[in-house]
Amino acid sequence: MSGQGSTGNVIAAICSFFLPGLGQLVQGRILAALLFFLFTSGFYALASTLILPFIIAVPLHIWCIIDAARYRG
């Protein structure tokens, strides 16, 4: 697929910004997309009642974006 910094990776990173895991799905990495989506969404859902999950969800979401941007496949 695309190399680091290519248009495909930029689009994937933008997709992951709006929905965690969507960038990985665009790149064809279904398992990574599912895991990023489930964990990040789960922590965001728990953050509505507790503060600790929010502290975990934000770095996880950022990691998801960076992972999509730096993927070499």
PDB file of N, CA and C in Angstrom:
ATOM      1  N   MET A   1       0.843  -1.178   0.000  1.00  0.00           N
ATOM      2  CA  MET A   1       0.000   0.000   0.000  1.00  0.00           C
ATOM      3  C   MET A   1       0.886   1.238   0.000  1.00  0.00           C
ATOM      4  N   SER A   2       0.478   2.285   0.620  1.00  0.00           N
ATOM      5  CA  SER A   2       1.176   3.567   0.583  1.00  0.00           C
ATOM      6  C   SER A   2       2.315   3.618   1.583  1.00  0.00           C
ATOM      7  N   GLY A   3       3.323   4.404   1.267  1.00  0.00           N
ATOM      8  CA  GLY A   3       4.424   4.607   2.180  1.00  0.00           C
ATOM      9  C   GLY A   3       4.127   5.714   3.167  1.00  0.00           C
ATOM     10  N   GLN A   4       5.005   5.839   4.169  1.00  0.00           N
ATOM     11  CA  GLN A   4       4.817   6.859   5.190  1.00  0.00           C
ATOM     12  C   GLN A   4       4.808   8.251   4.570  1.00  0.00           C
ATOM     13  N   GLY A   5       3.843   9.078   4.975  1.00  0.00           N
ATOM     14  CA  GLY A   5       3.744  10.435   4.475  1.00  0.00           C
ATOM     15  C   GLY A   5       3.006  10.549   3.158  1.00  0.00           C
ATOM     16  N   SER A   6       2.568   9.435   2.627  1.00  0.00           N
ATOM     17  CA  SER A   6       1.863   9.473   1.353  1.00  0.00           C
ATOM     18  C   SER A   6       0.424   9.941   1.559  1.00  0.00           C
ATOM     19  N   THR A   7      -0.241  10.230   0.473  1.00  0.00           N
ATOM     20  CA  THR A   7      -1.614  10.720   0.537  1.00  0.00           C
ATOM     21  C   THR A   7      -2.534   9.717   1.213  1.00  0.00           C
ATOM     22  N   GLY A   8      -2.343   8.425   0.955  1.00  0.00           N
ATOM     23  CA  GLY A   8      -3.172   7.398   1.576  1.00  0.00           C
ATOM     24  C   GLY A   8      -3.080   7.408   3.083  1.00  0.00           C
ATOM     25  N   ASN A   9      -1.872   7.613   3.606  1.00  0.00           N
ATOM     26  CA  ASN A   9      -1.699   7.659   5.055  1.00  0.00           C
ATOM     27  C   ASN A   9      -2.280   8.931   5.654  1.00  0.00           C
ATOM     28  N   VAL A  10      -2.203  10.026   4.937  1.00  0.00           N
ATOM     29  CA  VAL A  10      -2.793  11.270   5.428  1.00  0.00           C
ATOM     30  C   VAL A  10      -4.309  11.134   5.509  1.00  0.00           C
ATOM     31  N   ILE A  11      -4.900  10.545   4.490  1.00  0.00           N
ATOM     32  CA  ILE A  11      -6.348  10.316   4.493  1.00  0.00           C
ATOM     33  C   ILE A  11      -6.721   9.371   5.631  1.00  0.00           C
ATOM     34  N   ALA A  12      -5.941   8.331   5.850  1.00  0.00           N
ATOM     35  CA  ALA A  12      -6.210   7.388   6.933  1.00  0.00           C
ATOM     36  C   ALA A  12      -6.122   8.071   8.293  1.00  0.00           C
ATOM     37  N   ALA A  13      -5.136   8.951   8.470  1.00  0.00           N
ATOM     38  CA  ALA A  13      -5.008   9.671   9.734  1.00  0.00           C
ATOM     39  C   ALA A  13      -6.199  10.599   9.961  1.00  0.00           C
ATOM     40  N   ILE A  14      -6.648  11.260   8.920  1.00  0.00           N
ATOM     41  CA  ILE A  14      -7.820  12.129   9.045  1.00  0.00           C
ATOM     42  C   ILE A  14      -9.058  11.310   9.390  1.00  0.00           C
ATOM     43  N   CYS A  15      -9.201  10.155   8.769  1.00  0.00           N
ATOM     44  CA  CYS A  15     -10.331   9.274   9.088  1.00  0.00           C
ATOM     45  C   CYS A  15     -10.284   8.832  10.550  1.00  0.00           C
ATOM     46  N   SER A  16      -9.089   8.495  11.034  1.00  0.00           N
ATOM     47  CA  SER A  16      -8.944   8.075  12.427  1.00  0.00           C
ATOM     48  C   SER A  16      -9.193   9.225  13.394  1.00  0.00           C
ATOM     49  N   PHE A  17      -8.959  10.443  12.959  1.00  0.00           N
ATOM     50  CA  PHE A  17      -9.246  11.596  13.813  1.00  0.00           C
ATOM     51  C   PHE A  17     -10.743  11.678  14.106  1.00  0.00           C
ATOM     52  N   PHE A  18     -11.557  11.441  13.076  1.00  0.00           N
ATOM     53  CA  PHE A  18     -13.001  11.550  13.256  1.00  0.00           C
ATOM     54  C   PHE A  18     -13.620  10.308  13.884  1.00  0.00           C
ATOM     55  N   LEU A  19     -13.092   9.140  13.568  1.00  0.00           N
ATOM     56  CA  LEU A  19     -13.613   7.892  14.131  1.00  0.00           C
ATOM     57  C   LEU A  19     -12.445   6.949  14.362  1.00  0.00           C
ATOM     58  N   PRO A  20     -12.113   6.663  15.623  1.00  0.00           N
ATOM     59  CA  PRO A  20     -10.977   5.786  15.903  1.00  0.00           C
ATOM     60  C   PRO A  20     -11.124   4.439  15.200  1.00  0.00           C
ATOM     61  N   GLY A  21     -10.092   4.029  14.495  1.00  0.00           N
ATOM     62  CA  GLY A  21     -10.096   2.762  13.789  1.00  0.00           C
ATOM     63  C   GLY A  21     -10.483   2.862  12.326  1.00  0.00           C
ATOM     64  N   LEU A  22     -11.112   3.960  11.940  1.00  0.00           N
ATOM     65  CA  LEU A  22     -11.534   4.097  10.547  1.00  0.00           C
ATOM     66  C   LEU A  22     -10.327   4.188   9.611  1.00  0.00           C
ATOM     67  N   GLY A  23      -9.271   4.837  10.037  1.00  0.00           N
ATOM     68  CA  GLY A  23      -8.061   4.922   9.218  1.00  0.00           C
ATOM     69  C   GLY A  23      -7.434   3.563   8.983  1.00  0.00           C
ATOM     70  N   GLN A  24      -7.417   2.744  10.037  1.00  0.00           N
ATOM     71  CA  GLN A  24      -6.884   1.396   9.895  1.00  0.00           C
ATOM     72  C   GLN A  24      -7.780   0.575   8.961  1.00  0.00           C
ATOM     73  N   LEU A  25      -9.077   0.796   9.031  1.00  0.00           N
ATOM     74  CA  LEU A  25     -10.003   0.085   8.147  1.00  0.00           C
ATOM     75  C   LEU A  25      -9.785   0.494   6.690  1.00  0.00           C
ATOM     76  N   VAL A  26      -9.530   1.774   6.453  1.00  0.00           N
ATOM     77  CA  VAL A  26      -9.244   2.262   5.104  1.00  0.00           C
ATOM     78  C   VAL A  26      -7.974   1.608   4.564  1.00  0.00           C
ATOM     79  N   GLN A  27      -7.023   1.343   5.445  1.00  0.00           N
ATOM     80  CA  GLN A  27      -5.774   0.705   5.040  1.00  0.00           C
ATOM     81  C   GLN A  27      -5.899  -0.807   4.906  1.00  0.00           C
ATOM     82  N   GLY A  28      -7.047  -1.352   5.255  1.00  0.00           N
ATOM     83  CA  GLY A  28      -7.269  -2.781   5.128  1.00  0.00           C
ATOM     84  C   GLY A  28      -6.876  -3.593   6.344  1.00  0.00           C
ATOM     85  N   ARG A  29      -6.605  -2.939   7.458  1.00  0.00           N
ATOM     86  CA  ARG A  29      -6.215  -3.635   8.686  1.00  0.00           C
ATOM     87  C   ARG A  29      -7.447  -3.787   9.579  1.00  0.00           C
ATOM     88  N   ILE A  30      -8.210  -4.816   9.324  1.00  0.00           N
ATOM     89  CA  ILE A  30      -9.511  -4.977   9.969  1.00  0.00           C
ATOM     90  C   ILE A  30      -9.386  -5.243  11.469  1.00  0.00           C
ATOM     91  N   LEU A  31      -8.477  -6.107  11.876  1.00  0.00           N
ATOM     92  CA  LEU A  31      -8.335  -6.418  13.297  1.00  0.00           C
ATOM     93  C   LEU A  31      -7.878  -5.191  14.086  1.00  0.00           C
ATOM     94  N   ALA A  32      -6.897  -4.473  13.571  1.00  0.00           N
ATOM     95  CA  ALA A  32      -6.433  -3.259  14.248  1.00  0.00           C
ATOM     96  C   ALA A  32      -7.557  -2.231  14.326  1.00  0.00           C
ATOM     97  N   ALA A  33      -8.327  -2.089  13.253  1.00  0.00           N
ATOM     98  CA  ALA A  33      -9.441  -1.147  13.238  1.00  0.00           C
ATOM     99  C   ALA A  33     -10.466  -1.506  14.301  1.00  0.00           C
ATOM    100  N   LEU A  34     -10.797  -2.777  14.394  1.00  0.00           N
ATOM    101  CA  LEU A  34     -11.796  -3.223  15.367  1.00  0.00           C
ATOM    102  C   LEU A  34     -11.310  -2.996  16.795  1.00  0.00           C
ATOM    103  N   LEU A  35     -10.056  -3.330  17.065  1.00  0.00           N
ATOM    104  CA  LEU A  35      -9.519  -3.145  18.415  1.00  0.00           C
ATOM    105  C   LEU A  35      -9.441  -1.668  18.795  1.00  0.00           C
ATOM    106  N   PHE A  36      -8.917  -0.834  17.899  1.00  0.00           N
ATOM    107  CA  PHE A  36      -8.862   0.598  18.191  1.00  0.00           C
ATOM    108  C   PHE A  36     -10.257   1.163  18.444  1.00  0.00           C
ATOM    109  N   PHE A  37     -11.216   0.781  17.604  1.00  0.00           N
ATOM    110  CA  PHE A  37     -12.569   1.299  17.751  1.00  0.00           C
ATOM    111  C   PHE A  37     -13.197   0.859  19.078  1.00  0.00           C
ATOM    112  N   LEU A  38     -13.105  -0.436  19.384  1.00  0.00           N
ATOM    113  CA  LEU A  38     -13.736  -0.952  20.599  1.00  0.00           C
ATOM    114  C   LEU A  38     -13.123  -0.362  21.865  1.00  0.00           C
ATOM    115  N   PHE A  39     -11.806  -0.353  21.949  1.00  0.00           N
ATOM    116  CA  PHE A  39     -11.166   0.149  23.166  1.00  0.00           C
ATOM    117  C   PHE A  39     -11.358   1.656  23.329  1.00  0.00           C
ATOM    118  N   THR A  40     -11.135   2.415  22.260  1.00  0.00           N
ATOM    119  CA  THR A  40     -11.276   3.862  22.371  1.00  0.00           C
ATOM    120  C   THR A  40     -12.726   4.252  22.654  1.00  0.00           C
ATOM    121  N   SER A  41     -13.656   3.655  21.954  1.00  0.00           N
ATOM    122  CA  SER A  41     -15.068   3.961  22.180  1.00  0.00           C
ATOM    123  C   SER A  41     -15.502   3.545  23.575  1.00  0.00           C
ATOM    124  N   GLY A  42     -15.022   2.393  24.016  1.00  0.00           N
ATOM    125  CA  GLY A  42     -15.348   1.939  25.369  1.00  0.00           C
ATOM    126  C   GLY A  42     -14.852   2.894  26.438  1.00  0.00           C
ATOM    127  N   PHE A  43     -13.624   3.365  26.294  1.00  0.00           N
ATOM    128  CA  PHE A  43     -13.092   4.310  27.275  1.00  0.00           C
ATOM    129  C   PHE A  43     -13.806   5.653  27.209  1.00  0.00           C
ATOM    130  N   TYR A  44     -14.166   6.105  26.013  1.00  0.00           N
ATOM    131  CA  TYR A  44     -14.944   7.343  25.908  1.00  0.00           C
ATOM    132  C   TYR A  44     -16.324   7.173  26.555  1.00  0.00           C
ATOM    133  N   ALA A  45     -16.940   6.011  26.396  1.00  0.00           N
ATOM    134  CA  ALA A  45     -18.241   5.762  27.005  1.00  0.00           C
ATOM    135  C   ALA A  45     -18.131   5.756  28.532  1.00  0.00           C
ATOM    136  N   LEU A  46     -17.091   5.137  29.059  1.00  0.00           N
ATOM    137  CA  LEU A  46     -16.888   5.130  30.503  1.00  0.00           C
ATOM    138  C   LEU A  46     -16.543   6.514  31.033  1.00  0.00           C
ATOM    139  N   ALA A  47     -15.975   7.348  30.193  1.00  0.00           N
ATOM    140  CA  ALA A  47     -15.579   8.697  30.610  1.00  0.00           C
ATOM    141  C   ALA A  47     -16.785   9.566  30.946  1.00  0.00           C
ATOM    142  N   SER A  48     -17.972   9.151  30.543  1.00  0.00           N
ATOM    143  CA  SER A  48     -19.160   9.936  30.895  1.00  0.00           C
ATOM    144  C   SER A  48     -19.463   9.846  32.385  1.00  0.00           C
ATOM    145  N   THR A  49     -18.909   8.850  33.075  1.00  0.00           N
ATOM    146  CA  THR A  49     -19.146   8.715  34.508  1.00  0.00           C
ATOM    147  C   THR A  49     -17.874   8.841  35.348  1.00  0.00           C
ATOM    148  N   LEU A  50     -16.728   8.547  34.762  1.00  0.00           N
ATOM    149  CA  LEU A  50     -15.462   8.583  35.503  1.00  0.00           C
ATOM    150  C   LEU A  50     -14.432   9.403  34.735  1.00  0.00           C
ATOM    151  N   ILE A  51     -13.443   9.933  35.450  1.00  0.00           N
ATOM    152  CA  ILE A  51     -12.420  10.760  34.800  1.00  0.00           C
ATOM    153  C   ILE A  51     -11.250   9.909  34.280  1.00  0.00           C
ATOM    154  N   LEU A  52     -10.916   8.820  34.956  1.00  0.00           N
ATOM    155  CA  LEU A  52      -9.761   8.014  34.551  1.00  0.00           C
ATOM    156  C   LEU A  52      -9.882   7.460  33.129  1.00  0.00           C
ATOM    157  N   PRO A  53     -11.040   6.935  32.710  1.00  0.00           N
ATOM    158  CA  PRO A  53     -11.126   6.452  31.325  1.00  0.00           C
ATOM    159  C   PRO A  53     -10.867   7.538  30.281  1.00  0.00           C
ATOM    160  N   PHE A  54     -11.217   8.782  30.584  1.00  0.00           N
ATOM    161  CA  PHE A  54     -10.945   9.879  29.652  1.00  0.00           C
ATOM    162  C   PHE A  54      -9.445  10.092  29.508  1.00  0.00           C
ATOM    163  N   ILE A  55      -8.739   9.961  30.618  1.00  0.00           N
ATOM    164  CA  ILE A  55      -7.281  10.126  30.604  1.00  0.00           C
ATOM    165  C   ILE A  55      -6.632   9.013  29.771  1.00  0.00           C
ATOM    166  N   ILE A  56      -7.266   7.861  29.689  1.00  0.00           N
ATOM    167  CA  ILE A  56      -6.758   6.759  28.878  1.00  0.00           C
ATOM    168  C   ILE A  56      -7.227   6.884  27.429  1.00  0.00           C
ATOM    169  N   ALA A  57      -8.466   7.331  27.224  1.00  0.00           N
ATOM    170  CA  ALA A  57      -9.056   7.373  25.878  1.00  0.00           C
ATOM    171  C   ALA A  57      -8.363   8.375  24.967  1.00  0.00           C
ATOM    172  N   VAL A  58      -7.999   9.525  25.488  1.00  0.00           N
ATOM    173  CA  VAL A  58      -7.397  10.559  24.638  1.00  0.00           C
ATOM    174  C   VAL A  58      -6.035  10.117  24.084  1.00  0.00           C
ATOM    175  N   PRO A  59      -5.107   9.625  24.918  1.00  0.00           N
ATOM    176  CA  PRO A  59      -3.845   9.134  24.328  1.00  0.00           C
ATOM    177  C   PRO A  59      -4.045   7.943  23.389  1.00  0.00           C
ATOM    178  N   LEU A  60      -5.022   7.090  23.687  1.00  0.00           N
ATOM    179  CA  LEU A  60      -5.311   5.967  22.811  1.00  0.00           C
ATOM    180  C   LEU A  60      -5.806   6.447  21.448  1.00  0.00           C
ATOM    181  N   HIS A  61      -6.642   7.476  21.446  1.00  0.00           N
ATOM    182  CA  HIS A  61      -7.141   8.058  20.203  1.00  0.00           C
ATOM    183  C   HIS A  61      -5.994   8.698  19.408  1.00  0.00           C
ATOM    184  N   ILE A  62      -5.127   9.393  20.105  1.00  0.00           N
ATOM    185  CA  ILE A  62      -3.957   9.997  19.447  1.00  0.00           C
ATOM    186  C   ILE A  62      -3.045   8.913  18.872  1.00  0.00           C
ATOM    187  N   TRP A  63      -2.853   7.830  19.610  1.00  0.00           N
ATOM    188  CA  TRP A  63      -2.042   6.710  19.121  1.00  0.00           C
ATOM    189  C   TRP A  63      -2.666   6.111  17.862  1.00  0.00           C
ATOM    190  N   CYS A  64      -3.982   6.034  17.842  1.00  0.00           N
ATOM    191  CA  CYS A  64      -4.696   5.518  16.677  1.00  0.00           C
ATOM    192  C   CYS A  64      -4.420   6.375  15.444  1.00  0.00           C
ATOM    193  N   ILE A  65      -4.442   7.684  15.618  1.00  0.00           N
ATOM    194  CA  ILE A  65      -4.179   8.611  14.513  1.00  0.00           C
ATOM    195  C   ILE A  65      -2.735   8.461  14.025  1.00  0.00           C
ATOM    196  N   ILE A  66      -1.797   8.423  14.962  1.00  0.00           N
ATOM    197  CA  ILE A  66      -0.384   8.297  14.603  1.00  0.00           C
ATOM    198  C   ILE A  66      -0.110   6.954  13.931  1.00  0.00           C
ATOM    199  N   ASP A  67      -0.747   5.902  14.430  1.00  0.00           N
ATOM    200  CA  ASP A  67      -0.576   4.577  13.832  1.00  0.00           C
ATOM    201  C   ASP A  67      -1.041   4.566  12.379  1.00  0.00           C
ATOM    202  N   ALA A  68      -2.159   5.209  12.108  1.00  0.00           N
ATOM    203  CA  ALA A  68      -2.667   5.277  10.733  1.00  0.00           C
ATOM    204  C   ALA A  68      -1.729   6.099   9.847  1.00  0.00           C
ATOM    205  N   ALA A  69      -1.149   7.155  10.409  1.00  0.00           N
ATOM    206  CA  ALA A  69      -0.281   8.036   9.621  1.00  0.00           C
ATOM    207  C   ALA A  69       1.070   7.397   9.315  1.00  0.00           C
ATOM    208  N   ARG A  70       1.563   6.552  10.202  1.00  0.00           N
ATOM    209  CA  ARG A  70       2.904   5.993  10.035  1.00  0.00           C
ATOM    210  C   ARG A  70       2.931   4.581   9.470  1.00  0.00           C
ATOM    211  N   TYR A  71       1.790   4.040   9.149  1.00  0.00           N
ATOM    212  CA  TYR A  71       1.709   2.649   8.675  1.00  0.00           C
ATOM    213  C   TYR A  71       2.436   2.472   7.345  1.00  0.00           C
ATOM    214  N   ARG A  72       3.202   1.390   7.281  1.00  0.00           N
ATOM    215  CA  ARG A  72       3.857   1.001   6.020  1.00  0.00           C
ATOM    216  C   ARG A  72       3.403  -0.405   5.700  1.00  0.00           C
ATOM    217  N   GLY A  73       2.670  -0.540   4.643  1.00  0.00           N
ATOM    218  CA  GLY A  73       2.133  -1.871   4.367  1.00  0.00           C
ATOM    219  C   GLY A  73       2.410  -2.372   3.002  1.00  0.00           C
TER     220      GLY A  73
END
